[in-house]
C-alpha atoms as a PDB file:
ATOM      1  CA  MET A   1     -23.648  -2.846  20.185  1.00  0.00           C
ATOM      2  CA  ALA A   2     -20.712  -2.474  17.956  1.00  0.00           C
ATOM      3  CA  HIS A   3     -20.663  -1.035  14.385  1.00  0.00           C
ATOM      4  CA  LEU A   4     -18.538  -2.527  11.726  1.00  0.00           C
ATOM      5  CA  LEU A   5     -17.670  -0.605   8.485  1.00  0.00           C
ATOM      6  CA  HIS A   6     -17.062  -3.018   5.578  1.00  0.00           C
ATOM      7  CA  ILE A   7     -15.340  -1.689   2.398  1.00  0.00           C
ATOM      8  CA  ASP A   8     -14.924  -3.906  -0.607  1.00  0.00           C
ATOM      9  CA  SER A   9     -12.765  -2.511  -3.531  1.00  0.00           C
ATOM     10  CA  SER A  10     -12.609  -5.355  -6.079  1.00  0.00           C
ATOM     11  CA  ALA A  11     -13.991  -4.506  -9.573  1.00  0.00           C
ATOM     12  CA  LEU A  12     -15.367  -7.984  -9.858  1.00  0.00           C
ATOM     13  CA  THR A  13     -18.992  -8.780  -8.988  1.00  0.00           C
ATOM     14  CA  SER A  14     -18.138 -12.456  -8.598  1.00  0.00           C
ATOM     15  CA  GLY A  15     -15.057 -14.531  -8.260  1.00  0.00           C
ATOM     16  CA  SER A  16     -13.178 -12.056  -6.185  1.00  0.00           C
ATOM     17  CA  VAL A  17     -10.869 -13.717  -3.576  1.00  0.00           C
ATOM     18  CA  SER A  18     -10.590 -10.505  -1.522  1.00  0.00           C
ATOM     19  CA  LYS A  19     -14.446 -10.148  -1.254  1.00  0.00           C
ATOM     20  CA  GLU A  20     -14.918 -13.990  -0.543  1.00  0.00           C
ATOM     21  CA  ILE A  21     -12.462 -13.720   2.413  1.00  0.00           C
ATOM     22  CA  ALA A  22     -14.014 -10.502   3.740  1.00  0.00           C
ATOM     23  CA  THR A  23     -17.413 -12.117   3.549  1.00  0.00           C
ATOM     24  CA  THR A  24     -16.061 -14.929   5.784  1.00  0.00           C
ATOM     25  CA  PHE A  25     -15.072 -12.379   8.204  1.00  0.00           C
ATOM     26  CA  ARG A  26     -18.268 -10.448   8.162  1.00  0.00           C
ATOM     27  CA  LYS A  27     -20.443 -13.597   8.512  1.00  0.00           C
ATOM     28  CA  SER A  28     -18.429 -14.661  11.493  1.00  0.00           C
ATOM     29  CA  TRP A  29     -18.597 -11.198  12.985  1.00  0.00           C
ATOM     30  CA  GLN A  30     -22.435 -11.315  12.629  1.00  0.00           C
ATOM     31  CA  GLN A  31     -22.726 -14.732  14.156  1.00  0.00           C
ATOM     32  CA  ALA A  32     -20.593 -13.645  17.129  1.00  0.00           C
ATOM     33  CA  HIS A  33     -22.370 -10.354  17.471  1.00  0.00           C
ATOM     34  CA  PRO A  34     -25.915 -10.654  15.971  1.00  0.00           C
ATOM     35  CA  ASP A  35     -26.924  -7.302  17.654  1.00  0.00           C
ATOM     36  CA  GLY A  36     -24.152  -5.511  15.929  1.00  0.00           C
ATOM     37  CA  THR A  37     -24.492  -3.009  12.996  1.00  0.00           C
ATOM     38  CA  VAL A  38     -22.722  -3.399   9.619  1.00  0.00           C
ATOM     39  CA  THR A  39     -22.426  -0.557   7.167  1.00  0.00           C
ATOM     40  CA  TYR A  40     -21.305  -1.865   3.775  1.00  0.00           C
ATOM     41  CA  ARG A  41     -19.829  -0.206   0.640  1.00  0.00           C
ATOM     42  CA  ASP A  42     -18.882  -2.048  -2.566  1.00  0.00           C
ATOM     43  CA  LEU A  43     -16.587   0.547  -4.282  1.00  0.00           C
ATOM     44  CA  GLY A  44     -16.435  -1.636  -7.434  1.00  0.00           C
ATOM     45  CA  ILE A  45     -20.269  -1.224  -7.909  1.00  0.00           C
ATOM     46  CA  ASP A  46     -20.722   2.183  -6.303  1.00  0.00           C
ATOM     47  CA  PRO A  47     -17.437   4.141  -6.419  1.00  0.00           C
ATOM     48  CA  VAL A  48     -16.959   7.404  -4.728  1.00  0.00           C
ATOM     49  CA  PRO A  49     -15.777  10.167  -6.851  1.00  0.00           C
ATOM     50  CA  PRO A  50     -12.033  11.292  -6.695  1.00  0.00           C
ATOM     51  CA  LEU A  51     -11.201  14.569  -5.039  1.00  0.00           C
ATOM     52  CA  VAL A  52     -11.574  17.591  -7.267  1.00  0.00           C
ATOM     53  CA  GLU A  53     -10.735  21.235  -6.726  1.00  0.00           C
ATOM     54  CA  ALA A  54     -14.153  21.825  -5.097  1.00  0.00           C
ATOM     55  CA  SER A  55     -13.626  18.966  -2.675  1.00  0.00           C
ATOM     56  CA  ILE A  56     -10.339  20.569  -1.472  1.00  0.00           C
ATOM     57  CA  THR A  57     -11.352  24.224  -1.416  1.00  0.00           C
ATOM     58  CA  ALA A  58     -14.627  23.693   0.273  1.00  0.00           C
ATOM     59  CA  GLY A  59     -13.084  22.972   3.549  1.00  0.00           C
ATOM     60  CA  PHE A  60     -11.142  26.395   3.388  1.00  0.00           C
ATOM     61  CA  THR A  61     -14.099  28.397   2.293  1.00  0.00           C
ATOM     62  CA  PRO A  62     -16.656  29.912   4.937  1.00  0.00           C
ATOM     63  CA  GLU A  63     -19.875  27.947   4.653  1.00  0.00           C
ATOM     64  CA  GLY A  64     -21.987  30.983   3.285  1.00  0.00           C
ATOM     65  CA  ALA A  65     -19.411  31.689   0.498  1.00  0.00           C
ATOM     66  CA  ARG A  66     -19.293  28.098  -0.938  1.00  0.00           C
ATOM     67  CA  THR A  67     -20.230  27.638  -4.596  1.00  0.00           C
ATOM     68  CA  PRO A  68     -22.958  24.885  -5.375  1.00  0.00           C
ATOM     69  CA  GLU A  69     -20.012  22.543  -6.510  1.00  0.00           C
ATOM     70  CA  GLN A  70     -18.247  23.177  -3.161  1.00  0.00           C
ATOM     71  CA  VAL A  71     -21.448  22.619  -1.148  1.00  0.00           C
ATOM     72  CA  ALA A  72     -22.083  19.228  -2.910  1.00  0.00           C
ATOM     73  CA  ALA A  73     -18.463  18.175  -2.615  1.00  0.00           C
ATOM     74  CA  PHE A  74     -18.283  19.030   1.053  1.00  0.00           C
ATOM     75  CA  ALA A  75     -21.495  17.207   1.871  1.00  0.00           C
ATOM     76  CA  LEU A  76     -20.248  14.098   0.159  1.00  0.00           C
ATOM     77  CA  ARG A  77     -17.014  14.098   1.918  1.00  0.00           C
ATOM     78  CA  GLU A  78     -18.516  14.994   5.285  1.00  0.00           C
ATOM     79  CA  GLY A  79     -20.991  11.978   4.910  1.00  0.00           C
ATOM     80  CA  LEU A  80     -17.995   9.636   4.288  1.00  0.00           C
ATOM     81  CA  VAL A  81     -16.024  10.962   7.210  1.00  0.00           C
ATOM     82  CA  GLU A  82     -18.961  10.662   9.533  1.00  0.00           C
ATOM     83  CA  GLU A  83     -19.380   7.081   8.337  1.00  0.00           C
ATOM     84  CA  VAL A  84     -15.920   6.246   9.402  1.00  0.00           C
ATOM     85  CA  LEU A  85     -16.022   8.074  12.668  1.00  0.00           C
ATOM     86  CA  ALA A  86     -19.174   6.117  13.584  1.00  0.00           C
ATOM     87  CA  ALA A  87     -17.493   2.760  13.148  1.00  0.00           C
ATOM     88  CA  ASP A  88     -16.107   0.757  16.056  1.00  0.00           C
ATOM     89  CA  ALA A  89     -14.203  -1.626  13.715  1.00  0.00           C
ATOM     90  CA  PHE A  90     -13.201  -1.721  10.008  1.00  0.00           C
ATOM     91  CA  LEU A  91     -13.120  -4.538   7.429  1.00  0.00           C
ATOM     92  CA  LEU A  92     -11.342  -3.515   4.235  1.00  0.00           C
ATOM     93  CA  SER A  93     -10.707  -5.825   1.302  1.00  0.00           C
ATOM     94  CA  VAL A  94      -8.200  -4.613  -1.269  1.00  0.00           C
ATOM     95  CA  PRO A  95      -6.888  -6.520  -4.142  1.00  0.00           C
ATOM     96  CA  MET A  96      -3.553  -5.649  -5.808  1.00  0.00           C
ATOM     97  CA  TYR A  97      -4.107  -3.927  -9.177  1.00  0.00           C
ATOM     98  CA  ASN A  98      -0.858  -3.080 -11.134  1.00  0.00           C
ATOM     99  CA  TRP A  99       1.194  -3.351  -7.928  1.00  0.00           C
ATOM    100  CA  GLY A 100      -0.971  -0.690  -6.001  1.00  0.00           C
ATOM    101  CA  VAL A 101      -4.293  -0.336  -4.558  1.00  0.00           C
ATOM    102  CA  PRO A 102      -7.449  -0.045  -6.800  1.00  0.00           C
ATOM    103  CA  ALA A 103      -8.179   3.500  -7.941  1.00  0.00           C
ATOM    104  CA  THR A 104     -11.637   3.218  -6.257  1.00  0.00           C
ATOM    105  CA  PHE A 105     -10.098   2.433  -2.849  1.00  0.00           C
ATOM    106  CA  LYS A 106      -7.638   5.251  -3.321  1.00  0.00           C
ATOM    107  CA  ALA A 107     -10.410   7.608  -4.027  1.00  0.00           C
ATOM    108  CA  TRP A 108     -12.203   6.497  -0.893  1.00  0.00           C
ATOM    109  CA  LEU A 109      -9.121   7.012   1.257  1.00  0.00           C
ATOM    110  CA  ASP A 110      -8.693  10.520  -0.337  1.00  0.00           C
ATOM    111  CA  GLN A 111     -12.266  11.500   0.625  1.00  0.00           C
ATOM    112  CA  ILE A 112     -12.188  10.305   4.217  1.00  0.00           C
ATOM    113  CA  LEU A 113      -8.689  11.360   5.166  1.00  0.00           C
ATOM    114  CA  VAL A 114      -9.068  14.595   6.915  1.00  0.00           C
ATOM    115  CA  VAL A 115      -6.302  15.813   9.227  1.00  0.00           C
ATOM    116  CA  GLY A 116      -7.662  16.552  12.634  1.00  0.00           C
ATOM    117  CA  ARG A 117     -10.740  14.350  12.206  1.00  0.00           C
ATOM    118  CA  THR A 118      -9.737  10.894  10.806  1.00  0.00           C
ATOM    119  CA  ALA A 119      -5.974  11.366  10.646  1.00  0.00           C
ATOM    120  CA  ASP A 120      -3.374  13.156  12.992  1.00  0.00           C
ATOM    121  CA  LEU A 121       0.373  13.082  12.190  1.00  0.00           C
ATOM    122  CA  SER A 122       1.247  14.882  15.513  1.00  0.00           C
ATOM    123  CA  ASN A 123      -1.137  13.867  18.162  1.00  0.00           C
ATOM    124  CA  THR A 124      -3.364  10.859  18.926  1.00  0.00           C
ATOM    125  CA  PRO A 125      -5.715  10.268  16.172  1.00  0.00           C
ATOM    126  CA  VAL A 126      -9.422  10.072  17.021  1.00  0.00           C
ATOM    127  CA  LEU A 127      -9.518   6.602  15.632  1.00  0.00           C
ATOM    128  CA  ALA A 128      -6.490   5.354  17.509  1.00  0.00           C
ATOM    129  CA  GLY A 129      -6.716   1.774  18.609  1.00  0.00           C
ATOM    130  CA  ARG A 130      -9.893   0.828  16.672  1.00  0.00           C
ATOM    131  CA  PRO A 131      -9.386  -2.585  14.969  1.00  0.00           C
ATOM    132  CA  ALA A 132      -9.054  -2.737  11.250  1.00  0.00           C
ATOM    133  CA  THR A 133      -9.000  -6.104   9.392  1.00  0.00           C
ATOM    134  CA  VAL A 134      -7.359  -5.627   5.987  1.00  0.00           C
ATOM    135  CA  VAL A 135      -7.909  -8.390   3.438  1.00  0.00           C
ATOM    136  CA  LEU A 136      -5.183  -8.427   0.655  1.00  0.00           C
ATOM    137  CA  SER A 137      -5.260 -10.562  -2.420  1.00  0.00           C
ATOM    138  CA  TYR A 138      -2.462 -10.864  -4.915  1.00  0.00           C
ATOM    139  CA  GLY A 139      -2.378 -12.521  -8.322  1.00  0.00           C
ATOM    140  CA  GLY A 140       1.262 -13.529  -8.012  1.00  0.00           C
ATOM    141  CA  GLY A 141       3.742 -13.892  -5.150  1.00  0.00           C
ATOM    142  CA  TYR A 142       5.516 -11.080  -3.483  1.00  0.00           C
ATOM    143  CA  ASP A 143       7.114 -12.444  -0.413  1.00  0.00           C
ATOM    144  CA  ALA A 144      10.931 -12.319   0.326  1.00  0.00           C
ATOM    145  CA  GLY A 145      12.821 -14.577  -1.954  1.00  0.00           C
ATOM    146  CA  THR A 146      10.175 -14.424  -4.863  1.00  0.00           C
ATOM    147  CA  PRO A 147      10.965 -13.046  -8.271  1.00  0.00           C
ATOM    148  CA  ARG A 148       8.680 -10.053  -7.592  1.00  0.00           C
ATOM    149  CA  GLU A 149       9.958  -9.323  -4.109  1.00  0.00           C
ATOM    150  CA  GLY A 150       9.752  -5.590  -3.620  1.00  0.00           C
ATOM    151  CA  TRP A 151       6.926  -4.994  -6.006  1.00  0.00           C
ATOM    152  CA  ASP A 152       4.278  -5.014  -3.334  1.00  0.00           C
ATOM    153  CA  PHE A 153       3.146  -1.348  -2.983  1.00  0.00           C
ATOM    154  CA  VAL A 154      -0.170  -2.335  -1.352  1.00  0.00           C
ATOM    155  CA  GLN A 155       0.653  -3.517   2.070  1.00  0.00           C
ATOM    156  CA  PRO A 156       3.451  -0.906   2.915  1.00  0.00           C
ATOM    157  CA  TYR A 157       1.113   1.921   1.644  1.00  0.00           C
ATOM    158  CA  LEU A 158      -1.809   0.804   3.747  1.00  0.00           C
ATOM    159  CA  GLU A 159       0.172   0.311   6.825  1.00  0.00           C
ATOM    160  CA  THR A 160       1.531   3.740   6.580  1.00  0.00           C
ATOM    161  CA  VAL A 161      -1.880   5.350   6.045  1.00  0.00           C
ATOM    162  CA  LEU A 162      -3.969   3.179   8.408  1.00  0.00           C
ATOM    163  CA  VAL A 163      -1.534   2.743  11.135  1.00  0.00           C
ATOM    164  CA  GLN A 164       0.602   5.817  11.144  1.00  0.00           C
ATOM    165  CA  ALA A 165      -1.697   8.467   9.984  1.00  0.00           C
ATOM    166  CA  MET A 166      -5.060   7.084  11.263  1.00  0.00           C
ATOM    167  CA  GLY A 167      -3.926   5.123  14.275  1.00  0.00           C
ATOM    168  CA  LEU A 168      -5.822   2.088  13.614  1.00  0.00           C
ATOM    169  CA  ASP A 169      -4.857  -1.341  15.085  1.00  0.00           C
ATOM    170  CA  VAL A 170      -4.454  -3.213  11.769  1.00  0.00           C
ATOM    171  CA  THR A 171      -4.473  -6.993  11.171  1.00  0.00           C
ATOM    172  CA  VAL A 172      -3.545  -8.099   7.645  1.00  0.00           C
ATOM    173  CA  ILE A 173      -4.841 -11.260   6.103  1.00  0.00           C
ATOM    174  CA  LYS A 174      -3.327 -12.067   2.722  1.00  0.00           C
ATOM    175  CA  ALA A 175      -3.933 -14.523  -0.022  1.00  0.00           C
ATOM    176  CA  GLN A 176      -1.536 -14.659  -2.812  1.00  0.00           C
ATOM    177  CA  LEU A 177      -1.174 -16.547  -6.145  1.00  0.00           C
ATOM    178  CA  THR A 178      -4.838 -16.117  -6.888  1.00  0.00           C
ATOM    179  CA  LEU A 179      -4.173 -16.213 -10.602  1.00  0.00           C
ATOM    180  CA  ALA A 180      -2.678 -19.684 -10.545  1.00  0.00           C
ATOM    181  CA  GLU A 181      -5.934 -21.392 -11.633  1.00  0.00           C
ATOM    182  CA  ARG A 182      -6.332 -19.088 -14.660  1.00  0.00           C
ATOM    183  CA  ASN A 183      -2.774 -18.724 -15.838  1.00  0.00           C
ATOM    184  CA  PRO A 184      -1.292 -21.900 -17.326  1.00  0.00           C
ATOM    185  CA  ALA A 185       2.139 -20.612 -16.519  1.00  0.00           C
ATOM    186  CA  MET A 186       1.343 -20.758 -12.808  1.00  0.00           C
ATOM    187  CA  ALA A 187      -0.325 -24.297 -12.875  1.00  0.00           C
ATOM    188  CA  GLU A 188       2.258 -25.820 -10.558  1.00  0.00           C
ATOM    189  CA  LEU A 189       1.350 -23.116  -7.954  1.00  0.00           C
ATOM    190  CA  ILE A 190      -2.348 -24.087  -7.737  1.00  0.00           C
ATOM    191  CA  PRO A 191      -1.807 -26.183  -4.652  1.00  0.00           C
ATOM    192  CA  ALA A 192      -0.145 -23.300  -2.869  1.00  0.00           C
ATOM    193  CA  SER A 193      -2.762 -20.881  -4.035  1.00  0.00           C
ATOM    194  CA  LEU A 194      -5.637 -23.025  -2.786  1.00  0.00           C
ATOM    195  CA  GLN A 195      -3.758 -23.528   0.679  1.00  0.00           C
ATOM    196  CA  GLN A 196      -3.216 -19.704   0.945  1.00  0.00           C
ATOM    197  CA  ARG A 197      -6.875 -19.066   0.369  1.00  0.00           C
ATOM    198  CA  GLU A 198      -8.055 -21.786   2.769  1.00  0.00           C
ATOM    199  CA  ASP A 199      -5.673 -20.459   5.391  1.00  0.00           C
ATOM    200  CA  ALA A 200      -6.998 -16.982   4.815  1.00  0.00           C
ATOM    201  CA  HIS A 201     -10.617 -17.877   5.310  1.00  0.00           C
ATOM    202  CA  THR A 202      -9.599 -19.838   8.505  1.00  0.00           C
ATOM    203  CA  THR A 203      -7.856 -16.802   9.831  1.00  0.00           C
ATOM    204  CA  ALA A 204     -10.692 -14.493   8.906  1.00  0.00           C
ATOM    205  CA  HIS A 205     -13.205 -16.596  10.707  1.00  0.00           C
ATOM    206  CA  ALA A 206     -11.157 -16.671  13.810  1.00  0.00           C
ATOM    207  CA  HIS A 207     -10.156 -13.146  13.865  1.00  0.00           C
ATOM    208  CA  ALA A 208     -13.698 -11.865  13.496  1.00  0.00           C
ATOM    209  CA  ARG A 209     -14.558 -13.486  16.765  1.00  0.00           C
ATOM    210  CA  THR A 210     -11.371 -12.173  18.382  1.00  0.00           C
ATOM    211  CA  VAL A 211     -12.347  -8.686  17.362  1.00  0.00           C
ATOM    212  CA  VAL A 212     -15.734  -8.861  18.861  1.00  0.00           C
ATOM    213  CA  THR A 213     -14.409 -10.334  22.177  1.00  0.00           C
ATOM    214  CA  ALA A 214     -11.873  -7.460  22.287  1.00  0.00           C
ATOM    215  CA  LEU A 215     -14.558  -4.878  21.753  1.00  0.00           C
ATOM    216  CA  GLY A 216     -16.416  -6.408  24.792  1.00  0.00           C
ATOM    217  CA  VAL A 217     -19.705  -6.843  23.138  1.00  0.00           C
END
């Protein structure tokens, strides 16, 4: 029985393209593996706190000498790390906000990235090879040849963290031009936007089943 950890990070409770595509993946996962477990976190609704001094110093302070603030911060971080370590596969949905990842997602990463446990820059990370499906959504277009080429600081950053530091086997599913239907200046891009969204849903559906098969469950 496999365990999927699903993290959404859009601030929207409805109308989020990244959440919708991730939901397609999760439903397909559950259909292909009805006995599997899914742990879900919506960081837009229930964000984890950012790292503070107590979060950082607690790990370097003997347990009996920790302040109440350090005890609480350590317990929170430990719980999030254990949640990550317990997962056999990951589903992360991340929209672009101001050319980067949402602050809520960055806070979650800061909490769960612990060298020697979830990340290792010199040896093989504990999580090495575990599949991670990353759903990215962009209001505009950032591919090569577009006016905003080079402005995407989401995918390169996540590939560095998830692949290089954590050792995950990452598959990226992208939908761009998601603001075309809301921005009159992008009206001519609506067909391309809808096609990208449809393609992303199709890919998410198929890839979920591929992940389940690869896990051998």
